[in-house]
C-alpha atoms as a PDB file:
ATOM      1  CA  MET A   1      -2.664   0.618  -9.501  1.00  0.00           C
ATOM      2  CA  ARG A   2      -0.478   3.018  -7.659  1.00  0.00           C
ATOM      3  CA  ALA A   3       1.168   2.412  -4.308  1.00  0.00           C
ATOM      4  CA  VAL A   4       3.111   4.522  -1.857  1.00  0.00           C
ATOM      5  CA  ILE A   5       5.212   2.219   0.301  1.00  0.00           C
ATOM      6  CA  GLN A   6       6.841   3.307   3.534  1.00  0.00           C
ATOM      7  CA  ARG A   7       9.278   1.235   5.542  1.00  0.00           C
ATOM      8  CA  VAL A   8       8.073   1.577   9.118  1.00  0.00           C
ATOM      9  CA  ALA A   9       9.173   0.691  12.638  1.00  0.00           C
ATOM     10  CA  HIS A  10       5.451   0.554  13.450  1.00  0.00           C
ATOM     11  CA  ALA A  11       2.152   1.820  12.052  1.00  0.00           C
ATOM     12  CA  SER A  12      -1.541   1.744  12.873  1.00  0.00           C
ATOM     13  CA  VAL A  13      -4.866   2.846  11.441  1.00  0.00           C
ATOM     14  CA  SER A  14      -7.824   4.016  13.498  1.00  0.00           C
ATOM     15  CA  ILE A  15     -11.441   4.576  12.546  1.00  0.00           C
ATOM     16  CA  GLY A  16     -13.654   6.528  14.907  1.00  0.00           C
ATOM     17  CA  GLY A  17     -11.006   6.428  17.614  1.00  0.00           C
ATOM     18  CA  GLN A  18     -10.696   2.611  17.507  1.00  0.00           C
ATOM     19  CA  ILE A  19      -7.576   0.883  16.179  1.00  0.00           C
ATOM     20  CA  LYS A  20      -8.569  -1.188  13.149  1.00  0.00           C
ATOM     21  CA  GLY A  21      -5.117  -2.475  12.170  1.00  0.00           C
ATOM     22  CA  GLN A  22      -1.562  -2.199  13.422  1.00  0.00           C
ATOM     23  CA  ILE A  23       1.873  -3.601  12.680  1.00  0.00           C
ATOM     24  CA  ALA A  24       5.348  -3.552  14.128  1.00  0.00           C
ATOM     25  CA  ARG A  25       8.289  -3.567  11.688  1.00  0.00           C
ATOM     26  CA  GLY A  26       7.212  -3.800   8.076  1.00  0.00           C
ATOM     27  CA  LEU A  27       5.561  -1.830   5.289  1.00  0.00           C
ATOM     28  CA  LEU A  28       2.771   0.711   5.312  1.00  0.00           C
ATOM     29  CA  VAL A  29       1.223   0.526   1.839  1.00  0.00           C
ATOM     30  CA  PHE A  30      -1.222   3.125   0.537  1.00  0.00           C
ATOM     31  CA  VAL A  31      -2.859   1.811  -2.632  1.00  0.00           C
ATOM     32  CA  ALA A  32      -5.185   3.315  -5.229  1.00  0.00           C
ATOM     33  CA  VAL A  33      -7.127   1.541  -7.944  1.00  0.00           C
ATOM     34  CA  GLU A  34      -7.322   3.117 -11.398  1.00  0.00           C
ATOM     35  CA  VAL A  35     -10.217   2.710 -13.813  1.00  0.00           C
ATOM     36  CA  ALA A  36      -8.167   0.533 -16.203  1.00  0.00           C
ATOM     37  CA  ASP A  37      -6.649  -1.827 -13.596  1.00  0.00           C
ATOM     38  CA  THR A  38      -6.883  -5.597 -14.047  1.00  0.00           C
ATOM     39  CA  ALA A  39      -5.828  -8.822 -12.331  1.00  0.00           C
ATOM     40  CA  ASP A  40      -2.434  -8.426 -14.037  1.00  0.00           C
ATOM     41  CA  ASP A  41      -1.866  -5.143 -12.163  1.00  0.00           C
ATOM     42  CA  ILE A  42      -2.781  -6.845  -8.881  1.00  0.00           C
ATOM     43  CA  GLU A  43      -0.402  -9.750  -9.413  1.00  0.00           C
ATOM     44  CA  TRP A  44       2.518  -7.604 -10.560  1.00  0.00           C
ATOM     45  CA  LEU A  45       2.183  -4.946  -7.843  1.00  0.00           C
ATOM     46  CA  SER A  46       1.724  -7.421  -5.002  1.00  0.00           C
ATOM     47  CA  GLY A  47       4.810  -9.371  -6.034  1.00  0.00           C
ATOM     48  CA  LYS A  48       6.842  -6.199  -6.388  1.00  0.00           C
ATOM     49  CA  ILE A  49       5.852  -4.934  -2.929  1.00  0.00           C
ATOM     50  CA  VAL A  50       6.436  -8.212  -1.098  1.00  0.00           C
ATOM     51  CA  ARG A  51       9.847  -8.740  -2.738  1.00  0.00           C
ATOM     52  CA  LEU A  52      11.000  -5.095  -2.609  1.00  0.00           C
ATOM     53  CA  ARG A  53      14.453  -5.140  -0.977  1.00  0.00           C
ATOM     54  CA  ILE A  54      14.396  -2.077   1.288  1.00  0.00           C
ATOM     55  CA  PHE A  55      15.334  -3.579   4.667  1.00  0.00           C
ATOM     56  CA  SER A  56      18.942  -3.692   5.841  1.00  0.00           C
ATOM     57  CA  ASP A  57      21.023  -6.833   5.804  1.00  0.00           C
ATOM     58  CA  ASP A  58      23.852  -7.574   8.262  1.00  0.00           C
ATOM     59  CA  GLU A  59      26.140  -5.119   6.451  1.00  0.00           C
ATOM     60  CA  GLY A  60      23.586  -2.318   6.573  1.00  0.00           C
ATOM     61  CA  LEU A  61      22.707  -2.543   2.870  1.00  0.00           C
ATOM     62  CA  MET A  62      19.074  -2.473   1.757  1.00  0.00           C
ATOM     63  CA  ASN A  63      19.054  -6.060   0.603  1.00  0.00           C
ATOM     64  CA  ARG A  64      16.116  -7.715   2.378  1.00  0.00           C
ATOM     65  CA  SER A  65      12.403  -7.739   1.667  1.00  0.00           C
ATOM     66  CA  VAL A  66       9.493  -7.613   4.097  1.00  0.00           C
ATOM     67  CA  GLN A  67       9.221 -11.354   3.445  1.00  0.00           C
ATOM     68  CA  ASP A  68      12.883 -11.906   4.350  1.00  0.00           C
ATOM     69  CA  ILE A  69      12.567 -10.135   7.710  1.00  0.00           C
ATOM     70  CA  GLY A  70       9.226 -11.719   8.638  1.00  0.00           C
ATOM     71  CA  GLY A  71       7.650  -8.249   8.666  1.00  0.00           C
ATOM     72  CA  ASP A  72       4.034  -7.237   8.301  1.00  0.00           C
ATOM     73  CA  ILE A  73       2.068  -5.065   5.897  1.00  0.00           C
ATOM     74  CA  LEU A  74      -0.537  -2.455   6.794  1.00  0.00           C
ATOM     75  CA  LEU A  75      -2.623  -1.907   3.648  1.00  0.00           C
ATOM     76  CA  ILE A  76      -4.652   1.307   3.308  1.00  0.00           C
ATOM     77  CA  SER A  77      -6.900   2.200   0.359  1.00  0.00           C
ATOM     78  CA  GLN A  78      -6.304   5.776  -0.792  1.00  0.00           C
ATOM     79  CA  PHE A  79      -8.025   6.935  -3.985  1.00  0.00           C
ATOM     80  CA  THR A  80      -6.312  10.350  -3.736  1.00  0.00           C
ATOM     81  CA  LEU A  81      -3.072   8.828  -5.091  1.00  0.00           C
ATOM     82  CA  PHE A  82      -4.540   9.395  -8.567  1.00  0.00           C
ATOM     83  CA  ALA A  83      -5.266  13.066  -7.925  1.00  0.00           C
ATOM     84  CA  SER A  84      -4.672  15.389 -10.846  1.00  0.00           C
ATOM     85  CA  THR A  85      -3.802  19.010 -10.057  1.00  0.00           C
ATOM     86  CA  LYS A  86      -3.281  20.025 -13.682  1.00  0.00           C
ATOM     87  CA  LYS A  87      -6.249  22.416 -13.734  1.00  0.00           C
ATOM     88  CA  GLY A  88      -6.651  24.787 -10.824  1.00  0.00           C
ATOM     89  CA  ASN A  89      -6.168  24.022  -7.165  1.00  0.00           C
ATOM     90  CA  ARG A  90      -8.973  21.554  -6.544  1.00  0.00           C
ATOM     91  CA  PRO A  91      -7.708  18.042  -7.325  1.00  0.00           C
ATOM     92  CA  SER A  92      -9.606  15.888  -9.787  1.00  0.00           C
ATOM     93  CA  TYR A  93      -9.949  12.165  -9.103  1.00  0.00           C
ATOM     94  CA  THR A  94     -11.323  11.022 -12.453  1.00  0.00           C
ATOM     95  CA  ARG A  95      -8.561   8.393 -12.860  1.00  0.00           C
ATOM     96  CA  SER A  96      -9.533   6.709  -9.599  1.00  0.00           C
ATOM     97  CA  ALA A  97     -11.905   3.806 -10.020  1.00  0.00           C
ATOM     98  CA  ARG A  98     -15.425   4.200  -8.608  1.00  0.00           C
ATOM     99  CA  PRO A  99     -16.213   2.047  -5.554  1.00  0.00           C
ATOM    100  CA  GLU A 100     -18.151  -0.551  -7.551  1.00  0.00           C
ATOM    101  CA  VAL A 101     -14.954  -1.260  -9.521  1.00  0.00           C
ATOM    102  CA  ALA A 102     -12.343  -0.374  -6.896  1.00  0.00           C
ATOM    103  CA  ILE A 103     -13.669  -2.430  -3.969  1.00  0.00           C
ATOM    104  CA  PRO A 104     -13.502  -5.846  -5.700  1.00  0.00           C
ATOM    105  CA  LEU A 105     -10.015  -5.044  -7.049  1.00  0.00           C
ATOM    106  CA  TYR A 106      -8.845  -3.811  -3.631  1.00  0.00           C
ATOM    107  CA  GLU A 107     -10.192  -6.993  -2.001  1.00  0.00           C
ATOM    108  CA  ALA A 108      -8.432  -9.106  -4.653  1.00  0.00           C
ATOM    109  CA  PHE A 109      -5.222  -7.155  -4.024  1.00  0.00           C
ATOM    110  CA  LYS A 110      -5.522  -7.761  -0.276  1.00  0.00           C
ATOM    111  CA  THR A 111      -5.957 -11.492  -0.949  1.00  0.00           C
ATOM    112  CA  ARG A 112      -2.963 -11.539  -3.296  1.00  0.00           C
ATOM    113  CA  ILE A 113      -0.760  -9.710  -0.748  1.00  0.00           C
ATOM    114  CA  ALA A 114      -1.726 -12.348   1.850  1.00  0.00           C
ATOM    115  CA  LEU A 115      -0.814 -15.119  -0.583  1.00  0.00           C
ATOM    116  CA  ASP A 116       2.514 -13.545  -1.583  1.00  0.00           C
ATOM    117  CA  LEU A 117       3.471 -12.559   1.989  1.00  0.00           C
ATOM    118  CA  GLY A 118       2.315 -15.791   3.565  1.00  0.00           C
ATOM    119  CA  LYS A 119       0.051 -14.029   6.054  1.00  0.00           C
ATOM    120  CA  PRO A 120      -2.820 -11.564   5.822  1.00  0.00           C
ATOM    121  CA  PRO A 121      -2.074  -7.849   5.850  1.00  0.00           C
ATOM    122  CA  GLN A 122      -3.565  -5.571   8.457  1.00  0.00           C
ATOM    123  CA  THR A 123      -5.988  -3.125   6.848  1.00  0.00           C
ATOM    124  CA  GLY A 124      -8.125  -0.092   7.260  1.00  0.00           C
ATOM    125  CA  GLU A 125     -11.626   0.064   5.809  1.00  0.00           C
ATOM    126  CA  PHE A 126     -12.275   0.975   2.187  1.00  0.00           C
ATOM    127  CA  GLY A 127     -13.869   4.430   1.941  1.00  0.00           C
ATOM    128  CA  ALA A 128     -13.709   5.174   5.663  1.00  0.00           C
ATOM    129  CA  ASP A 129     -12.308   8.321   7.264  1.00  0.00           C
ATOM    130  CA  MET A 130      -9.103   6.858   8.703  1.00  0.00           C
ATOM    131  CA  GLN A 131      -6.321   8.199  10.865  1.00  0.00           C
ATOM    132  CA  VAL A 132      -2.951   6.614  10.109  1.00  0.00           C
ATOM    133  CA  THR A 133      -0.056   6.796  12.566  1.00  0.00           C
ATOM    134  CA  LEU A 134       3.430   5.668  11.601  1.00  0.00           C
ATOM    135  CA  LEU A 135       7.103   5.868  12.394  1.00  0.00           C
ATOM    136  CA  ASN A 136       8.833   5.936   9.013  1.00  0.00           C
ATOM    137  CA  ASP A 137      12.106   4.031   9.302  1.00  0.00           C
ATOM    138  CA  GLY A 138      14.918   5.657   7.348  1.00  0.00           C
ATOM    139  CA  PRO A 139      12.928   7.452   6.049  1.00  0.00           C
ATOM    140  CA  VAL A 140      12.251   5.128   3.148  1.00  0.00           C
ATOM    141  CA  THR A 141       9.304   5.923   0.879  1.00  0.00           C
ATOM    142  CA  ILE A 142       8.838   4.341  -2.563  1.00  0.00           C
ATOM    143  CA  ILE A 143       6.162   5.068  -5.184  1.00  0.00           C
ATOM    144  CA  ILE A 144       5.248   2.295  -7.632  1.00  0.00           C
ATOM    145  CA  ASP A 145       2.774   2.410 -10.516  1.00  0.00           C
ATOM    146  CA  SER A 146       1.661  -0.831 -12.153  1.00  0.00           C
ATOM    147  CA  LYS A 147       1.043   0.831 -15.527  1.00  0.00           C
ATOM    148  CA  THR A 148       4.586   2.199 -15.889  1.00  0.00           C
ATOM    149  CA  ARG A 149       6.068  -0.837 -14.089  1.00  0.00           C
ATOM    150  CA  GLU A 150       8.270   1.416 -11.967  1.00  0.00           C
END
């Protein structure tokens, strides 16, 4: 699994002009499922995201997690995170899992995030054409891949 995590002051996702999910202070997480992903990837990545210390403490140091600040998570599926541009200018998405594999893993990831965070994340809709609005705080943007564990 691959995730792009943004520390946000607020974020929302709309589908067809209707807000589907929104958060105040917290994390906007774009996540993609790879063909070879397993329950181990879900568990590791969820724990890493929820405990990632990228919020400021009283001294202004990034020392607090989304859990520590009581923040929220907006979780958005985004298969394009596994795009390959090695050949030509049209990205290939062959590393991204097909919906029949990706949807159950995405749903399991959403459940695991809720368990680790202590509350359910806000979400978009898997496979939908979504419009995401955010105010990146910092800016802070982190990319994590469960296969490389970084």
